[in-house]
N, C-alpha and C. Protein backbone atom coordinates (compact mmCIF):
# COMPACT_ATOMS: atom_id res chain seq x y z
N MET A 1 0.84 -1.17 0.00
CA MET A 1 0.00 0.00 0.00
C MET A 1 0.90 1.24 0.00
N LEU A 2 0.59 2.16 -0.88
CA LEU A 2 1.34 3.41 -0.95
C LEU A 2 0.70 4.43 -0.02
N SER A 3 1.53 5.13 0.70
CA SER A 3 0.99 6.20 1.55
C SER A 3 1.23 7.53 0.86
N ALA A 4 0.26 8.38 0.96
CA ALA A 4 0.37 9.71 0.35
C ALA A 4 1.28 10.56 1.22
N THR A 5 1.91 11.53 0.62
CA THR A 5 2.73 12.47 1.39
C THR A 5 2.16 13.86 1.25
N CYS A 6 2.35 14.64 2.27
CA CYS A 6 1.89 16.03 2.28
C CYS A 6 3.10 16.93 2.35
N SER A 7 3.08 17.98 1.58
CA SER A 7 4.16 18.97 1.64
C SER A 7 3.62 20.23 2.29
N VAL A 8 4.37 20.72 3.22
CA VAL A 8 4.00 21.93 3.93
C VAL A 8 5.18 22.88 3.85
N LEU A 9 4.97 24.05 3.29
CA LEU A 9 6.02 25.06 3.23
C LEU A 9 5.72 26.12 4.26
N VAL A 10 6.75 26.56 4.93
CA VAL A 10 6.57 27.61 5.92
C VAL A 10 7.55 28.73 5.65
N PHE A 11 7.10 29.93 5.84
CA PHE A 11 7.93 31.10 5.58
C PHE A 11 7.73 32.13 6.67
N LEU A 12 8.72 32.96 6.82
CA LEU A 12 8.62 34.12 7.69
C LEU A 12 7.72 35.13 6.99
N ILE A 13 6.66 35.58 7.65
CA ILE A 13 5.75 36.50 6.99
C ILE A 13 5.98 37.95 7.41
N LEU A 14 6.35 38.18 8.64
CA LEU A 14 6.33 39.56 9.09
C LEU A 14 7.45 39.83 10.07
N SER A 15 8.21 40.82 9.79
CA SER A 15 9.15 41.36 10.76
C SER A 15 8.77 42.81 10.95
N GLY A 16 8.31 43.14 12.11
CA GLY A 16 7.86 44.50 12.36
C GLY A 16 9.00 45.43 12.64
N THR A 17 8.65 46.65 12.90
CA THR A 17 9.65 47.63 13.31
C THR A 17 9.94 47.44 14.79
N ASN A 18 10.81 48.23 15.32
CA ASN A 18 11.16 48.18 16.73
C ASN A 18 11.77 46.85 17.14
N GLY A 19 12.34 46.09 16.20
CA GLY A 19 13.00 44.85 16.54
C GLY A 19 12.07 43.67 16.70
N ASP A 20 10.78 43.82 16.43
CA ASP A 20 9.85 42.70 16.51
C ASP A 20 10.09 41.75 15.35
N SER A 21 9.99 40.44 15.61
CA SER A 21 10.22 39.47 14.54
C SER A 21 9.61 38.13 14.89
N VAL A 22 9.42 37.30 13.86
CA VAL A 22 9.04 35.90 14.04
C VAL A 22 10.02 35.04 13.25
N THR A 23 10.25 33.83 13.74
CA THR A 23 11.10 32.86 13.07
C THR A 23 10.34 31.55 13.00
N GLN A 24 10.31 30.94 11.82
CA GLN A 24 9.56 29.71 11.60
C GLN A 24 10.46 28.56 11.22
N THR A 25 9.87 27.35 11.23
CA THR A 25 10.49 26.18 10.64
C THR A 25 10.87 26.54 9.22
N GLU A 26 12.07 26.18 8.79
CA GLU A 26 12.52 26.55 7.46
C GLU A 26 12.26 25.45 6.44
N GLY A 27 11.92 25.87 5.22
CA GLY A 27 11.82 24.94 4.10
C GLY A 27 10.60 24.04 4.15
N PRO A 28 10.55 23.11 3.19
CA PRO A 28 9.39 22.21 3.11
C PRO A 28 9.42 21.16 4.22
N VAL A 29 8.24 20.80 4.66
CA VAL A 29 8.05 19.71 5.61
C VAL A 29 7.26 18.64 4.87
N ILE A 30 7.82 17.45 4.74
CA ILE A 30 7.16 16.39 3.98
C ILE A 30 6.80 15.27 4.96
N LEU A 31 5.52 14.92 4.99
CA LEU A 31 5.00 13.95 5.94
C LEU A 31 4.11 12.93 5.24
N SER A 32 3.97 11.78 5.85
CA SER A 32 2.99 10.80 5.38
C SER A 32 1.61 11.24 5.85
N GLU A 33 0.60 10.95 5.04
CA GLU A 33 -0.76 11.27 5.42
C GLU A 33 -1.09 10.56 6.73
N GLY A 34 -1.71 11.28 7.65
CA GLY A 34 -2.05 10.72 8.95
C GLY A 34 -1.03 11.01 10.03
N ALA A 35 0.14 11.51 9.65
CA ALA A 35 1.19 11.82 10.63
C ALA A 35 0.87 13.14 11.33
N PRO A 36 1.34 13.30 12.56
CA PRO A 36 1.18 14.59 13.25
C PRO A 36 2.20 15.59 12.74
N VAL A 37 1.88 16.88 12.89
CA VAL A 37 2.82 17.91 12.48
C VAL A 37 2.85 19.03 13.52
N ILE A 38 4.03 19.55 13.74
CA ILE A 38 4.22 20.77 14.54
C ILE A 38 5.05 21.72 13.70
N LEU A 39 4.51 22.90 13.43
CA LEU A 39 5.24 23.94 12.72
C LEU A 39 5.68 24.97 13.76
N ASN A 40 6.97 25.14 13.87
CA ASN A 40 7.52 26.00 14.91
C ASN A 40 7.45 27.48 14.53
N CYS A 41 7.14 28.29 15.52
CA CYS A 41 7.16 29.74 15.37
C CYS A 41 7.61 30.33 16.69
N THR A 42 8.70 31.06 16.66
CA THR A 42 9.14 31.80 17.84
C THR A 42 9.12 33.28 17.49
N TYR A 43 9.00 34.11 18.49
CA TYR A 43 8.88 35.54 18.24
C TYR A 43 9.70 36.35 19.23
N GLN A 44 9.98 37.57 18.82
CA GLN A 44 10.61 38.56 19.70
C GLN A 44 9.83 39.85 19.56
N THR A 45 9.51 40.45 20.68
CA THR A 45 8.78 41.71 20.66
C THR A 45 9.17 42.54 21.87
N SER A 46 9.09 43.84 21.71
CA SER A 46 9.38 44.74 22.82
C SER A 46 8.10 45.17 23.53
N TYR A 47 6.95 44.68 23.07
CA TYR A 47 5.67 45.06 23.66
C TYR A 47 5.20 44.02 24.66
N SER A 48 4.49 44.46 25.69
CA SER A 48 3.99 43.52 26.69
C SER A 48 2.79 42.73 26.18
N ILE A 49 2.02 43.31 25.28
CA ILE A 49 0.88 42.61 24.69
C ILE A 49 1.06 42.60 23.18
N SER A 50 1.04 41.41 22.62
CA SER A 50 1.18 41.25 21.18
C SER A 50 0.16 40.23 20.70
N PHE A 51 -0.10 40.24 19.40
CA PHE A 51 -1.00 39.28 18.78
C PHE A 51 -0.20 38.45 17.79
N LEU A 52 -0.42 37.14 17.81
CA LEU A 52 0.23 36.23 16.87
C LEU A 52 -0.83 35.53 16.04
N PHE A 53 -0.47 35.23 14.80
CA PHE A 53 -1.41 34.67 13.84
C PHE A 53 -0.75 33.53 13.08
N TRP A 54 -1.54 32.56 12.67
CA TRP A 54 -1.13 31.55 11.69
C TRP A 54 -2.07 31.67 10.49
N TYR A 55 -1.47 31.75 9.30
CA TYR A 55 -2.21 31.80 8.04
C TYR A 55 -1.84 30.58 7.20
N VAL A 56 -2.76 30.18 6.33
CA VAL A 56 -2.49 29.13 5.36
C VAL A 56 -2.77 29.70 3.98
N GLN A 57 -1.93 29.34 3.01
CA GLN A 57 -2.13 29.78 1.63
C GLN A 57 -2.07 28.55 0.73
N TYR A 58 -3.24 28.21 0.18
CA TYR A 58 -3.32 27.10 -0.77
C TYR A 58 -2.94 27.60 -2.15
N LEU A 59 -2.51 26.70 -3.00
CA LEU A 59 -2.06 27.04 -4.35
C LEU A 59 -3.07 27.93 -5.07
N ASN A 60 -2.58 29.03 -5.63
CA ASN A 60 -3.38 29.98 -6.41
C ASN A 60 -4.49 30.66 -5.60
N ASN A 61 -4.33 30.75 -4.29
CA ASN A 61 -5.31 31.42 -3.44
C ASN A 61 -4.61 32.41 -2.51
N ALA A 62 -5.39 33.34 -1.99
CA ALA A 62 -4.87 34.30 -1.01
C ALA A 62 -4.70 33.62 0.34
N PRO A 63 -3.82 34.13 1.19
CA PRO A 63 -3.69 33.57 2.55
C PRO A 63 -5.00 33.70 3.32
N GLN A 64 -5.26 32.69 4.17
CA GLN A 64 -6.45 32.67 5.01
C GLN A 64 -6.01 32.51 6.47
N LEU A 65 -6.67 33.22 7.36
CA LEU A 65 -6.37 33.12 8.78
C LEU A 65 -6.83 31.77 9.32
N ILE A 66 -5.92 31.07 10.02
CA ILE A 66 -6.28 29.81 10.69
C ILE A 66 -6.53 30.08 12.17
N LEU A 67 -5.54 30.71 12.83
CA LEU A 67 -5.59 30.92 14.28
C LEU A 67 -5.01 32.28 14.64
N LYS A 68 -5.49 32.83 15.74
CA LYS A 68 -4.87 34.03 16.30
C LYS A 68 -4.91 33.92 17.81
N SER A 69 -3.95 34.57 18.43
CA SER A 69 -3.86 34.55 19.89
C SER A 69 -3.16 35.82 20.34
N SER A 70 -3.35 36.14 21.60
CA SER A 70 -2.62 37.27 22.16
C SER A 70 -1.81 36.79 23.35
N THR A 71 -0.88 37.60 23.77
CA THR A 71 -0.07 37.23 24.92
C THR A 71 -0.91 37.21 26.20
N GLU A 72 -2.15 37.68 26.13
CA GLU A 72 -3.07 37.61 27.27
C GLU A 72 -3.99 36.39 27.19
N ASN A 73 -4.35 35.96 25.99
CA ASN A 73 -5.24 34.81 25.77
C ASN A 73 -4.44 33.78 25.00
N GLN A 74 -3.86 32.81 25.68
CA GLN A 74 -2.75 32.07 25.10
C GLN A 74 -3.11 30.79 24.35
N ARG A 75 -4.23 30.17 24.60
CA ARG A 75 -4.58 28.92 23.91
C ARG A 75 -5.62 29.22 22.85
N THR A 76 -5.42 28.68 21.66
CA THR A 76 -6.37 28.90 20.57
C THR A 76 -6.45 27.66 19.70
N GLU A 77 -7.61 27.44 19.11
CA GLU A 77 -7.75 26.30 18.21
C GLU A 77 -8.90 26.54 17.26
N ASN A 78 -8.85 25.82 16.13
CA ASN A 78 -9.99 25.75 15.24
C ASN A 78 -10.31 24.28 15.08
N GLN A 79 -11.06 23.91 14.08
CA GLN A 79 -11.52 22.53 13.96
C GLN A 79 -10.38 21.52 13.84
N ASP A 80 -9.28 21.88 13.18
CA ASP A 80 -8.21 20.92 12.93
C ASP A 80 -6.88 21.27 13.59
N PHE A 81 -6.61 22.54 13.75
CA PHE A 81 -5.32 23.00 14.24
C PHE A 81 -5.45 23.58 15.64
N HIS A 82 -4.34 23.56 16.38
CA HIS A 82 -4.31 24.29 17.64
C HIS A 82 -2.89 24.82 17.86
N ALA A 83 -2.83 25.83 18.69
CA ALA A 83 -1.54 26.44 19.03
C ALA A 83 -1.66 27.03 20.42
N THR A 84 -0.57 26.96 21.15
CA THR A 84 -0.51 27.56 22.47
C THR A 84 0.62 28.57 22.49
N LEU A 85 0.30 29.78 22.84
CA LEU A 85 1.31 30.82 22.93
C LEU A 85 1.98 30.69 24.30
N ILE A 86 3.26 30.40 24.30
CA ILE A 86 4.01 30.23 25.54
C ILE A 86 4.95 31.43 25.69
N LYS A 87 4.58 32.34 26.58
CA LYS A 87 5.35 33.58 26.73
C LYS A 87 6.78 33.31 27.20
N SER A 88 6.97 32.34 28.10
CA SER A 88 8.31 32.09 28.64
C SER A 88 9.28 31.60 27.57
N ASP A 89 8.76 30.92 26.54
CA ASP A 89 9.58 30.44 25.42
C ASP A 89 9.47 31.35 24.20
N SER A 90 8.58 32.34 24.26
CA SER A 90 8.28 33.18 23.10
C SER A 90 7.95 32.32 21.89
N SER A 91 7.05 31.34 22.10
CA SER A 91 6.71 30.41 21.02
C SER A 91 5.21 30.36 20.77
N PHE A 92 4.85 30.05 19.54
CA PHE A 92 3.46 29.91 19.11
C PHE A 92 3.43 28.84 18.02
N HIS A 93 3.66 27.58 18.41
CA HIS A 93 3.79 26.48 17.47
C HIS A 93 2.41 25.98 17.02
N LEU A 94 2.26 25.80 15.72
CA LEU A 94 1.02 25.29 15.14
C LEU A 94 1.08 23.76 15.14
N GLN A 95 0.00 23.12 15.58
CA GLN A 95 -0.02 21.67 15.67
C GLN A 95 -1.28 21.10 15.04
N LYS A 96 -1.12 19.94 14.43
CA LYS A 96 -2.26 19.18 13.91
C LYS A 96 -1.95 17.71 14.15
N PRO A 97 -2.87 16.97 14.76
CA PRO A 97 -2.57 15.58 15.11
C PRO A 97 -2.48 14.63 13.92
N SER A 98 -3.12 14.97 12.80
CA SER A 98 -3.13 14.07 11.65
C SER A 98 -3.27 14.87 10.36
N VAL A 99 -2.19 14.96 9.57
CA VAL A 99 -2.25 15.74 8.33
C VAL A 99 -2.92 14.95 7.21
N GLN A 100 -3.53 15.67 6.30
CA GLN A 100 -4.17 15.09 5.13
C GLN A 100 -3.59 15.75 3.88
N MET A 101 -3.80 15.15 2.74
CA MET A 101 -3.33 15.75 1.49
C MET A 101 -3.86 17.16 1.32
N SER A 102 -5.07 17.40 1.79
CA SER A 102 -5.68 18.73 1.65
C SER A 102 -4.97 19.79 2.49
N ASP A 103 -4.06 19.39 3.37
CA ASP A 103 -3.28 20.34 4.17
C ASP A 103 -2.04 20.84 3.44
N SER A 104 -1.76 20.32 2.25
CA SER A 104 -0.58 20.76 1.48
C SER A 104 -0.76 22.22 1.11
N ALA A 105 0.12 23.07 1.64
CA ALA A 105 -0.01 24.52 1.46
C ALA A 105 1.21 25.20 2.04
N VAL A 106 1.21 26.52 1.96
CA VAL A 106 2.23 27.34 2.61
C VAL A 106 1.62 27.91 3.88
N TYR A 107 2.34 27.81 4.99
CA TYR A 107 1.86 28.29 6.28
C TYR A 107 2.74 29.45 6.75
N TYR A 108 2.08 30.49 7.27
CA TYR A 108 2.78 31.70 7.70
C TYR A 108 2.46 32.00 9.16
N CYS A 109 3.47 32.34 9.91
CA CYS A 109 3.30 32.85 11.27
C CYS A 109 3.52 34.36 11.21
N ALA A 110 2.69 35.12 11.90
CA ALA A 110 2.80 36.58 11.87
C ALA A 110 2.64 37.15 13.27
N LEU A 111 3.22 38.31 13.48
CA LEU A 111 3.20 39.01 14.76
C LEU A 111 2.72 40.44 14.53
N ARG A 112 1.87 40.91 15.44
CA ARG A 112 1.44 42.31 15.41
C ARG A 112 1.46 42.83 16.83
N ASP A 113 2.02 44.01 17.02
CA ASP A 113 2.01 44.60 18.36
C ASP A 113 0.70 45.35 18.56
N THR A 114 0.48 45.82 19.78
CA THR A 114 -0.77 46.53 20.06
C THR A 114 -0.65 48.00 19.74
């Protein structure tokens, strides 16, 4: 039996002014269908309250918001994905317990200050 593979590309989407930045998993992530995935995102900001976002962009489409969180409201999820903003690690990793072929896309982590 052949297993399908999913390709996930991740890129840095936003580096703000004032030294704010996000860093993501680099390059393509290739997984077997049904495998779990964690896409890493760490951030640096000089603000006490910030908002972090995960976007997905499917081929030939505009980016779509998947999740958002603030440094005050740290756990967020939608039907398939979840992420926990951990202030002590400055991380906002996107997780999905089981990837499907339909998840093949480019994923972006973004930061916005208040």
